[in-house]
């Protein structure tokens, strides 16, 4: 009985240590993405933060600021830049002018739709509207009214951006802010 109890204690300690190690690595990844001055970095296949590179993008329907529903799968046939952001996120604020510039100059010619999902449930509608106005955003801004989308896409770092090809498959996932040149390069690489 004492041996079994000892074995259980050892297994529990190993599990706790492994959990702490994984948690620390995820926190380190978040810190690096948000503190690094360079544009965002790609998440590789097999990463704990990877949602499924090379697989169909999980579908969802969220409302725009105007209250109109937008379903991701309705955009099949177009390349999609799916961006998760928040009004209080400094790197999100840094990248938004680049997203808007890309949208105005290149989105139509590249057959791209930008979909920006406001990440936080506790952002007030007025805060989101003010953010959109202050950056003159003209691409669809969606409101995350449930945690499901965040959990499905494993969004732990802001900003997080997914590049989805015209067949609806996720080709790239990038953590951290993006600039115009990086956006163009990633879109050019999409099917």
Protein backbone atom coordinates (compact mmCIF):
# COMPACT_ATOMS: atom_id res chain seq x y z
CA UNK A 1 0.00 0.00 0.00
CA UNK A 2 2.84 2.39 0.86
CA UNK A 3 4.56 1.61 -2.46
CA UNK A 4 1.39 2.36 -4.41
CA UNK A 5 0.90 5.62 -2.54
CA UNK A 6 4.53 6.56 -3.17
CA UNK A 7 4.16 5.82 -6.89
CA UNK A 8 1.01 7.95 -7.07
CA UNK A 9 2.81 10.85 -5.36
CA UNK A 10 5.75 10.58 -7.78
CA UNK A 11 3.45 10.48 -10.82
CA UNK A 12 1.54 13.50 -9.52
CA UNK A 13 4.77 15.45 -8.97
CA UNK A 14 6.01 14.63 -12.48
CA UNK A 15 2.66 15.70 -13.97
CA UNK A 16 2.73 18.98 -12.03
CA UNK A 17 6.32 19.69 -13.11
CA UNK A 18 5.47 18.96 -16.77
CA UNK A 19 2.42 21.23 -16.58
CA UNK A 20 4.47 24.04 -15.06
CA UNK A 21 7.13 23.65 -17.78
CA UNK A 22 4.56 23.80 -20.59
CA UNK A 23 2.82 26.80 -18.98
CA UNK A 24 6.16 28.64 -18.63
CA UNK A 25 7.01 27.99 -22.29
CA UNK A 26 3.60 29.30 -23.44
CA UNK A 27 4.01 32.42 -21.28
CA UNK A 28 7.51 32.94 -22.69
CA UNK A 29 6.11 32.68 -26.24
CA UNK A 30 3.42 35.25 -25.42
CA UNK A 31 5.96 37.65 -23.92
CA UNK A 32 8.27 37.30 -26.89
CA UNK A 33 5.47 37.95 -29.37
CA UNK A 34 4.32 41.07 -27.60
CA UNK A 35 7.72 42.52 -26.64
CA UNK A 36 9.64 41.90 -29.85
CA UNK A 37 10.06 44.96 -32.08
CA UNK A 38 10.23 42.87 -35.25
CA UNK A 39 7.07 41.88 -37.10
CA UNK A 40 5.22 38.81 -35.83
CA UNK A 41 6.63 35.32 -36.01
CA UNK A 42 5.15 32.23 -37.57
CA UNK A 43 3.77 29.39 -35.50
CA UNK A 44 4.97 26.02 -36.78
CA UNK A 45 3.03 22.80 -37.18
CA UNK A 46 2.88 20.87 -33.93
CA UNK A 47 3.22 23.98 -31.75
CA UNK A 48 0.81 24.06 -28.80
CA UNK A 49 -0.54 27.30 -30.28
CA UNK A 50 -1.04 25.89 -33.79
CA UNK A 51 -4.71 25.53 -34.67
CA UNK A 52 -4.16 23.26 -37.65
CA UNK A 53 -1.85 24.51 -40.35
CA UNK A 54 -2.70 22.82 -43.63
CA UNK A 55 -6.23 22.04 -42.44
CA UNK A 56 -9.57 23.75 -43.15
CA UNK A 57 -10.13 26.86 -41.04
CA UNK A 58 -12.74 26.18 -38.35
CA UNK A 59 -15.96 27.89 -39.37
CA UNK A 60 -17.76 30.45 -37.25
CA UNK A 61 -20.39 33.15 -37.52
CA UNK A 62 -19.98 36.43 -35.65
CA UNK A 63 -21.73 39.77 -35.91
CA UNK A 64 -20.20 42.90 -37.38
CA UNK A 65 -20.40 46.24 -35.59
CA UNK A 66 -23.59 46.86 -37.59
CA UNK A 67 -25.14 43.67 -36.20
CA UNK A 68 -24.92 41.75 -39.48
CA UNK A 69 -23.71 38.14 -39.26
CA UNK A 70 -20.56 37.16 -41.15
CA UNK A 71 -19.72 33.48 -41.64
CA UNK A 72 -16.12 32.63 -42.41
CA UNK A 73 -16.99 29.83 -44.87
CA UNK A 74 -18.98 32.33 -46.96
CA UNK A 75 -15.62 33.84 -47.94
CA UNK A 76 -14.38 30.62 -49.58
CA UNK A 77 -12.98 31.51 -52.98
CA UNK A 78 -11.18 34.52 -51.48
CA UNK A 79 -7.96 34.59 -49.51
CA UNK A 80 -8.65 35.64 -45.93
CA UNK A 81 -6.51 37.44 -43.39
CA UNK A 82 -8.15 36.58 -40.05
CA UNK A 83 -6.85 38.87 -37.32
CA UNK A 84 -7.61 38.69 -33.58
CA UNK A 85 -7.06 41.99 -31.76
CA UNK A 86 -8.21 44.11 -28.81
CA UNK A 87 -8.67 47.83 -28.27
CA UNK A 88 -6.25 47.85 -25.31
CA UNK A 89 -3.44 45.96 -27.13
CA UNK A 90 -0.49 48.25 -28.13
CA UNK A 91 0.85 45.92 -30.89
CA UNK A 92 -2.70 45.70 -32.30
CA UNK A 93 -2.78 49.48 -32.48
CA UNK A 94 0.61 49.45 -34.23
CA UNK A 95 -0.48 47.03 -36.95
CA UNK A 96 -3.96 48.38 -37.77
CA UNK A 97 -2.75 51.18 -40.07
CA UNK A 98 -0.84 48.53 -42.07
CA UNK A 99 -3.94 46.34 -42.36
CA UNK A 100 -6.00 49.32 -43.53
CA UNK A 101 -3.35 50.37 -46.04
CA UNK A 102 -3.17 46.82 -47.41
CA UNK A 103 -6.97 46.67 -47.63
CA UNK A 104 -7.20 49.95 -49.54
CA UNK A 105 -4.32 49.33 -51.95
CA UNK A 106 -4.11 45.59 -52.56
CA UNK A 107 -7.05 43.57 -51.19
CA UNK A 108 -9.24 43.78 -54.28
CA UNK A 109 -6.44 43.01 -56.74
CA UNK A 110 -5.17 40.12 -54.54
CA UNK A 111 -8.72 38.73 -53.99
CA UNK A 112 -8.32 39.11 -50.22
CA UNK A 113 -10.76 39.82 -47.41
CA UNK A 114 -9.51 41.02 -44.04
CA UNK A 115 -11.63 39.92 -41.10
CA UNK A 116 -10.72 41.51 -37.76
CA UNK A 117 -12.18 39.81 -34.69
CA UNK A 118 -12.32 41.92 -31.54
CA UNK A 119 -10.85 39.56 -28.97
CA UNK A 120 -12.32 40.57 -25.66
CA UNK A 121 -15.78 40.00 -24.36
CA UNK A 122 -15.42 42.87 -21.91
CA UNK A 123 -14.62 45.56 -24.50
CA UNK A 124 -17.54 47.95 -24.58
CA UNK A 125 -19.19 48.48 -27.96
CA UNK A 126 -18.30 52.18 -27.77
CA UNK A 127 -14.59 51.31 -27.30
CA UNK A 128 -14.61 49.09 -30.38
CA UNK A 129 -16.49 51.71 -32.44
CA UNK A 130 -14.05 54.44 -31.33
CA UNK A 131 -11.09 52.21 -32.22
CA UNK A 132 -12.50 51.52 -35.69
CA UNK A 133 -13.19 55.24 -36.26
CA UNK A 134 -9.79 56.36 -35.00
CA UNK A 135 -8.03 54.06 -37.49
CA UNK A 136 -10.59 54.60 -40.29
CA UNK A 137 -11.00 50.84 -40.68
CA UNK A 138 -13.15 49.84 -43.63
CA UNK A 139 -12.76 46.05 -43.53
CA UNK A 140 -15.17 43.85 -41.54
CA UNK A 141 -14.74 44.06 -37.77
CA UNK A 142 -16.44 41.25 -35.88
CA UNK A 143 -17.44 41.09 -32.23
CA UNK A 144 -16.48 38.00 -30.28
CA UNK A 145 -19.57 37.47 -28.19
CA UNK A 146 -18.56 34.00 -26.99
CA UNK A 147 -15.27 32.37 -26.02
CA UNK A 148 -15.78 29.52 -28.52
CA UNK A 149 -13.94 31.18 -31.42
CA UNK A 150 -10.96 32.15 -29.25
CA UNK A 151 -10.73 28.61 -27.88
CA UNK A 152 -11.15 26.99 -31.30
CA UNK A 153 -8.37 29.11 -32.80
CA UNK A 154 -6.18 28.82 -29.66
CA UNK A 155 -5.68 32.57 -29.45
CA UNK A 156 -3.44 33.17 -26.44
CA UNK A 157 -1.41 36.07 -27.84
CA UNK A 158 -2.55 39.34 -29.33
CA UNK A 159 -2.43 40.14 -32.09
CA UNK A 160 -2.78 36.72 -33.74
CA UNK A 161 -3.26 36.47 -37.49
CA UNK A 162 -4.23 33.52 -39.67
CA UNK A 163 -3.66 33.45 -43.43
CA UNK A 164 -6.32 31.30 -45.10
CA UNK A 165 -6.11 30.35 -48.76
CA UNK A 166 -8.98 30.57 -51.24
CA UNK A 167 -9.91 26.93 -50.52
CA UNK A 168 -10.44 27.75 -46.84
CA UNK A 169 -7.23 26.12 -45.58
CA UNK A 170 -5.00 27.76 -42.96
CA UNK A 171 -1.54 28.21 -44.45
CA UNK A 172 0.11 30.51 -41.91
CA UNK A 173 -0.40 31.58 -38.33
CA UNK A 174 1.52 34.60 -37.06
CA UNK A 175 1.80 35.90 -33.50
CA UNK A 176 2.58 39.55 -32.94
CA UNK A 177 2.20 42.66 -35.07
CA UNK A 178 2.52 42.71 -38.86
CA UNK A 179 3.63 45.48 -41.18
CA UNK A 180 2.55 46.14 -44.77
CA UNK A 181 5.49 44.33 -46.42
CA UNK A 182 5.00 41.25 -44.27
CA UNK A 183 1.27 41.18 -45.03
CA UNK A 184 1.99 41.39 -48.75
CA UNK A 185 4.60 38.62 -48.58
CA UNK A 186 2.31 36.24 -46.70
CA UNK A 187 -0.63 36.92 -49.03
CA UNK A 188 1.54 36.43 -52.12
CA UNK A 189 2.49 32.98 -50.81
CA UNK A 190 -1.17 31.91 -50.45
CA UNK A 191 -2.88 29.77 -53.09
